[in-house]
Amino acid sequence: MTLTLQMLGTGSAFAKNYYNNNALIHDGNFTLLIDCGITAPLALHQMNKTFNDVDAVLITHIHADHVGGLEELAFIMKMKYNRKLPLYIADALVEPIWEHTLKGGLYQQGHISSLQDVFDVHPLKPEVKAAISSGISVELIHTQHIPGKDSYSLYLNDRIFYSADMVFDPILLKQLVNERDCEVILHECQLQGPGEVHTTLDELLSLPLEIQERTYLMHYSDEVEAFIGKTGNMEFVEQQRVYEL
């Protein structure tokens, strides 16, 4: 099935000219929001959309540019639209996202005391494919980002790799392409500096041509214009543009 991708934003955590790297995946009838960062509400507003246009949200890891908009999402859905949005998240992140990220703002004595009070929570196990809708399936792949903090990239519909923030893992990328028929790679890209917790452009440029040709770059810094034409056979994803996958 053909999916469409529309990035709410394509920026790195510290980008100021680009919104947080969050995405809408649409199968024709169902819209999945991948991550919901600080700028997600504003980005949706500028796209003439609201959280009520989203059917479910999936979280890759707990950093503000990926979860900072969840408090507003939860309040809006509960108080304005009177419904719980399905929340797909790794089982290892269910407790941390409530205790370490959302509880301080969402807790209301007698009304909101748990994640389940504001979301229809669907814990996911890594390496187990789960159906999100009739046209969207996802498999979580544990990838390395910050030492000691869980982060999960996504394999959508057995053919699309969507990276969370992650350090360079050429073995994984080669396995996906050569052994699992991966057709599209949407990969985070740090344009400058050493890739201590991210994947750098230089590292991605070291990949074989057959992998570069199916790789699209996201989660980039404000200096992106200086790197246009310097990405080998890879292309930058543009925020708010609709792509067919």
Protein backbone atom coordinates (compact mmCIF):
# COMPACT_ATOMS: atom_id res chain seq x y z
CA MET A 1 0.00 0.00 0.00
CA THR A 2 1.20 3.49 -0.83
CA LEU A 3 1.60 5.76 2.18
CA THR A 4 2.04 9.50 2.25
CA LEU A 5 4.53 11.33 4.44
CA GLN A 6 4.23 14.94 5.55
CA MET A 7 6.83 16.25 7.96
CA LEU A 8 5.54 18.73 10.52
CA GLY A 9 9.15 19.73 10.83
CA THR A 10 12.60 18.52 9.83
CA GLY A 11 14.83 20.34 12.31
CA SER A 12 17.32 19.10 14.85
CA ALA A 13 16.71 19.67 18.56
CA PHE A 14 18.40 23.07 18.43
CA ALA A 15 17.22 24.27 15.00
CA LYS A 16 15.42 27.62 15.01
CA ASN A 17 14.45 27.88 11.33
CA TYR A 18 12.84 24.44 11.21
CA TYR A 19 10.27 22.78 13.42
CA ASN A 20 10.89 19.62 15.46
CA ASN A 21 11.38 16.46 13.41
CA ASN A 22 7.84 15.04 13.64
CA ALA A 23 5.85 13.38 10.86
CA LEU A 24 2.37 12.51 9.67
CA ILE A 25 1.98 9.12 7.97
CA HIS A 26 -1.31 8.64 6.13
CA ASP A 27 -2.67 5.43 4.58
CA GLY A 28 -5.68 7.02 2.88
CA ASN A 29 -8.02 6.62 5.84
CA PHE A 30 -5.83 6.83 8.95
CA THR A 31 -3.26 9.40 10.06
CA LEU A 32 -0.41 8.47 12.40
CA LEU A 33 1.64 11.18 14.09
CA ILE A 34 5.24 10.09 14.64
CA ASP A 35 6.55 12.01 17.65
CA CYS A 36 5.00 15.16 19.06
CA GLY A 37 7.62 17.75 19.95
CA ILE A 38 7.40 21.24 21.37
CA THR A 39 6.64 22.79 17.98
CA ALA A 40 4.07 20.18 16.84
CA PRO A 41 0.98 22.22 17.85
CA LEU A 42 2.18 25.32 15.99
CA ALA A 43 3.25 23.30 12.95
CA LEU A 44 -0.18 21.63 12.74
CA HIS A 45 -1.87 25.02 13.08
CA GLN A 46 0.15 26.43 10.18
CA MET A 47 -0.88 23.39 8.11
CA ASN A 48 -4.55 24.14 8.91
CA LYS A 49 -4.78 20.96 10.99
CA THR A 50 -5.47 20.18 14.64
CA PHE A 51 -4.74 17.22 16.88
CA ASN A 52 -8.29 16.07 16.14
CA ASP A 53 -7.12 15.34 12.58
CA VAL A 54 -4.74 12.72 13.99
CA ASP A 55 -5.89 9.14 14.63
CA ALA A 56 -2.95 7.97 16.75
CA VAL A 57 0.50 9.03 17.92
CA LEU A 58 3.69 6.96 18.07
CA ILE A 59 6.69 8.00 20.18
CA THR A 60 10.28 7.00 19.35
CA HIS A 61 12.03 8.32 22.47
CA ILE A 62 11.70 10.80 25.33
CA HIS A 63 13.36 14.06 24.32
CA ALA A 64 11.47 17.35 24.24
CA ASP A 65 11.70 17.76 20.46
CA HIS A 66 9.89 14.41 20.22
CA VAL A 67 7.47 14.54 23.17
CA GLY A 68 7.25 18.19 24.27
CA GLY A 69 3.83 18.68 22.64
CA LEU A 70 2.16 15.68 24.26
CA GLU A 71 0.88 17.65 27.25
CA GLU A 72 -1.05 20.04 24.99
CA LEU A 73 -2.25 17.13 22.87
CA ALA A 74 -3.57 15.28 25.93
CA PHE A 75 -5.36 18.32 27.38
CA ILE A 76 -6.91 19.33 24.05
CA MET A 77 -8.17 15.84 23.29
CA LYS A 78 -9.61 15.37 26.78
CA MET A 79 -11.16 18.78 27.34
CA LYS A 80 -12.15 19.90 23.84
CA TYR A 81 -12.71 16.70 21.86
CA ASN A 82 -13.56 14.35 24.75
CA ARG A 83 -11.60 11.40 23.46
CA LYS A 84 -8.38 9.54 24.15
CA LEU A 85 -5.93 9.34 21.31
CA PRO A 86 -4.21 5.95 20.92
CA LEU A 87 -0.58 6.22 22.03
CA TYR A 88 1.85 3.65 20.63
CA ILE A 89 5.08 3.49 22.59
CA ALA A 90 7.73 0.94 23.55
CA ASP A 91 6.75 -0.92 26.68
CA ALA A 92 10.03 0.19 28.31
CA LEU A 93 9.02 3.84 27.88
CA VAL A 94 5.48 3.71 29.28
CA GLU A 95 6.46 4.39 32.89
CA PRO A 96 9.27 6.90 32.14
CA ILE A 97 7.15 9.05 29.84
CA TRP A 98 4.58 9.50 32.59
CA GLU A 99 6.84 9.73 35.64
CA HIS A 100 9.68 11.75 34.06
CA THR A 101 7.96 13.81 31.35
CA LEU A 102 4.18 14.21 31.59
CA LYS A 103 3.10 13.79 35.23
CA GLY A 104 4.32 17.19 36.36
CA GLY A 105 2.05 19.03 33.93
CA LEU A 106 -0.87 16.66 33.40
CA TYR A 107 -1.55 15.41 36.93
CA GLN A 108 -4.87 16.64 38.38
CA GLN A 109 -6.04 15.14 41.64
CA GLY A 110 -9.20 13.14 41.08
CA HIS A 111 -9.08 13.57 37.31
CA ILE A 112 -5.70 12.66 35.80
CA SER A 113 -3.39 10.37 37.73
CA SER A 114 -1.92 8.13 35.04
CA LEU A 115 -0.99 7.99 31.38
CA GLN A 116 -4.04 5.83 30.78
CA ASP A 117 -6.34 8.64 31.94
CA VAL A 118 -5.44 10.72 28.88
CA PHE A 119 -4.29 8.19 26.28
CA ASP A 120 -5.38 4.80 25.01
CA VAL A 121 -1.97 3.27 25.64
CA HIS A 122 -0.65 0.54 23.34
CA PRO A 123 2.73 -0.77 24.60
CA LEU A 124 4.90 -2.19 21.83
CA LYS A 125 7.62 -4.80 22.07
CA PRO A 126 10.75 -4.33 19.94
CA GLU A 127 11.14 -6.60 16.92
CA VAL A 128 7.44 -7.52 16.96
CA LYS A 129 5.34 -6.14 14.10
CA ALA A 130 2.15 -4.41 15.20
CA ALA A 131 -0.79 -3.23 13.12
CA ILE A 132 -1.56 0.44 13.69
CA SER A 133 -4.29 0.59 11.06
CA SER A 134 -5.44 -1.47 8.08
CA GLY A 135 -2.68 0.17 6.03
CA ILE A 136 0.10 0.89 8.55
CA SER A 137 2.23 -1.61 10.44
CA VAL A 138 5.28 -0.88 12.56
CA GLU A 139 8.16 -2.76 14.08
CA LEU A 140 10.28 -1.05 16.72
CA ILE A 141 14.03 -1.42 16.29
CA HIS A 142 16.13 -0.52 19.31
CA THR A 143 18.84 1.89 18.12
CA GLN A 144 21.54 3.65 20.11
CA HIS A 145 21.23 7.35 20.91
CA ILE A 146 21.97 8.60 24.44
CA PRO A 147 23.76 6.03 26.63
CA GLY A 148 21.37 4.65 29.21
CA LYS A 149 18.22 5.99 27.49
CA ASP A 150 16.02 3.83 25.27
CA SER A 151 15.35 5.00 21.72
CA TYR A 152 13.53 3.12 18.97
CA SER A 153 13.63 3.52 15.23
CA LEU A 154 10.73 2.27 13.11
CA TYR A 155 10.28 -0.21 10.28
CA LEU A 156 7.00 0.67 8.60
CA ASN A 157 5.07 -1.76 6.41
CA ASP A 158 8.14 -4.01 6.07
CA ARG A 159 9.73 -1.57 3.61
CA ILE A 160 10.30 1.90 5.15
CA PHE A 161 12.94 2.63 7.78
CA TYR A 162 12.29 5.77 9.85
CA SER A 163 15.16 6.53 12.17
CA ALA A 164 14.86 7.94 15.62
CA ASP A 165 17.83 9.99 16.77
CA MET A 166 20.63 7.44 16.53
CA VAL A 167 24.33 6.91 16.16
CA PHE A 168 25.55 5.54 12.84
CA ASP A 169 24.70 1.87 12.35
CA PRO A 170 25.78 0.79 8.86
CA ILE A 171 25.32 -2.88 9.70
CA LEU A 172 21.63 -2.33 10.43
CA LEU A 173 21.10 -0.27 7.27
CA LYS A 174 22.80 -2.89 5.10
CA GLN A 175 20.74 -5.66 6.69
CA LEU A 176 17.51 -3.77 6.08
CA VAL A 177 18.32 -3.20 2.42
CA ASN A 178 19.99 -6.51 1.59
CA GLU A 179 18.01 -8.89 3.76
CA ARG A 180 14.66 -7.20 4.41
CA ASP A 181 13.94 -5.42 1.11
CA CYS A 182 13.91 -1.92 2.60
CA GLU A 183 12.85 0.52 -0.12
CA VAL A 184 13.00 3.89 1.67
CA ILE A 185 15.26 5.16 4.46
CA LEU A 186 14.28 8.33 6.31
CA HIS A 187 17.38 9.08 8.35
CA GLU A 188 18.37 11.73 10.86
CA CYS A 189 21.45 13.69 9.79
CA GLN A 190 23.88 15.81 11.79
CA LEU A 191 25.52 18.10 9.27
CA GLN A 192 28.60 19.18 11.25
CA GLY A 193 30.75 17.96 14.14
CA PRO A 194 31.38 14.50 15.55
CA GLY A 195 28.41 12.15 15.75
CA GLU A 196 28.59 11.27 19.43
CA VAL A 197 24.84 10.68 19.76
CA HIS A 198 23.71 11.29 16.16
CA THR A 199 24.59 10.12 12.66
CA THR A 200 26.71 12.56 10.66
CA LEU A 201 26.45 13.42 6.98
CA ASP A 202 30.01 12.20 6.46
CA GLU A 203 29.06 8.82 7.92
CA LEU A 204 26.02 8.53 5.67
CA LEU A 205 28.16 9.46 2.67
CA SER A 206 30.27 6.38 3.39
CA LEU A 207 27.30 4.09 2.68
CA PRO A 208 27.14 2.09 -0.57
CA LEU A 209 25.42 3.76 -3.52
CA GLU A 210 22.48 1.37 -3.40
CA ILE A 211 21.69 2.53 0.14
CA GLN A 212 22.27 6.24 -0.51
CA GLU A 213 19.87 6.18 -3.45
CA ARG A 214 16.96 5.30 -1.18
CA THR A 215 17.96 7.57 1.73
CA TYR A 216 16.28 10.87 2.60
CA LEU A 217 17.76 13.17 5.23
CA MET A 218 15.86 14.79 8.11
CA HIS A 219 16.49 16.15 11.62
CA TYR A 220 19.05 18.63 10.28
CA SER A 221 20.38 21.95 11.56
CA ASP A 222 19.77 25.48 10.34
CA GLU A 223 22.90 25.35 8.15
CA VAL A 224 21.19 22.95 5.74
CA GLU A 225 21.23 25.32 2.74
CA ALA A 226 25.03 25.28 2.74
CA PHE A 227 24.93 21.49 2.25
CA ILE A 228 22.51 21.32 -0.68
CA GLY A 229 24.32 19.50 -3.48
CA LYS A 230 26.81 17.98 -1.05
CA THR A 231 24.81 14.94 0.03
CA GLY A 232 25.88 12.42 -2.59
CA ASN A 233 22.87 10.47 -3.84
CA MET A 234 20.76 11.40 -0.83
CA GLU A 235 18.12 14.14 -0.62
CA PHE A 236 16.89 16.40 2.17
CA VAL A 237 13.26 15.99 3.19
CA GLU A 238 11.33 19.28 3.16
CA GLN A 239 8.94 20.08 5.98
CA GLN A 240 5.21 20.20 5.17
CA ARG A 241 5.74 18.83 1.64
CA VAL A 242 3.70 15.67 0.92
CA TYR A 243 5.68 12.64 -0.29
CA GLU A 244 4.44 9.29 -1.54
CA LEU A 245 6.28 6.35 0.00
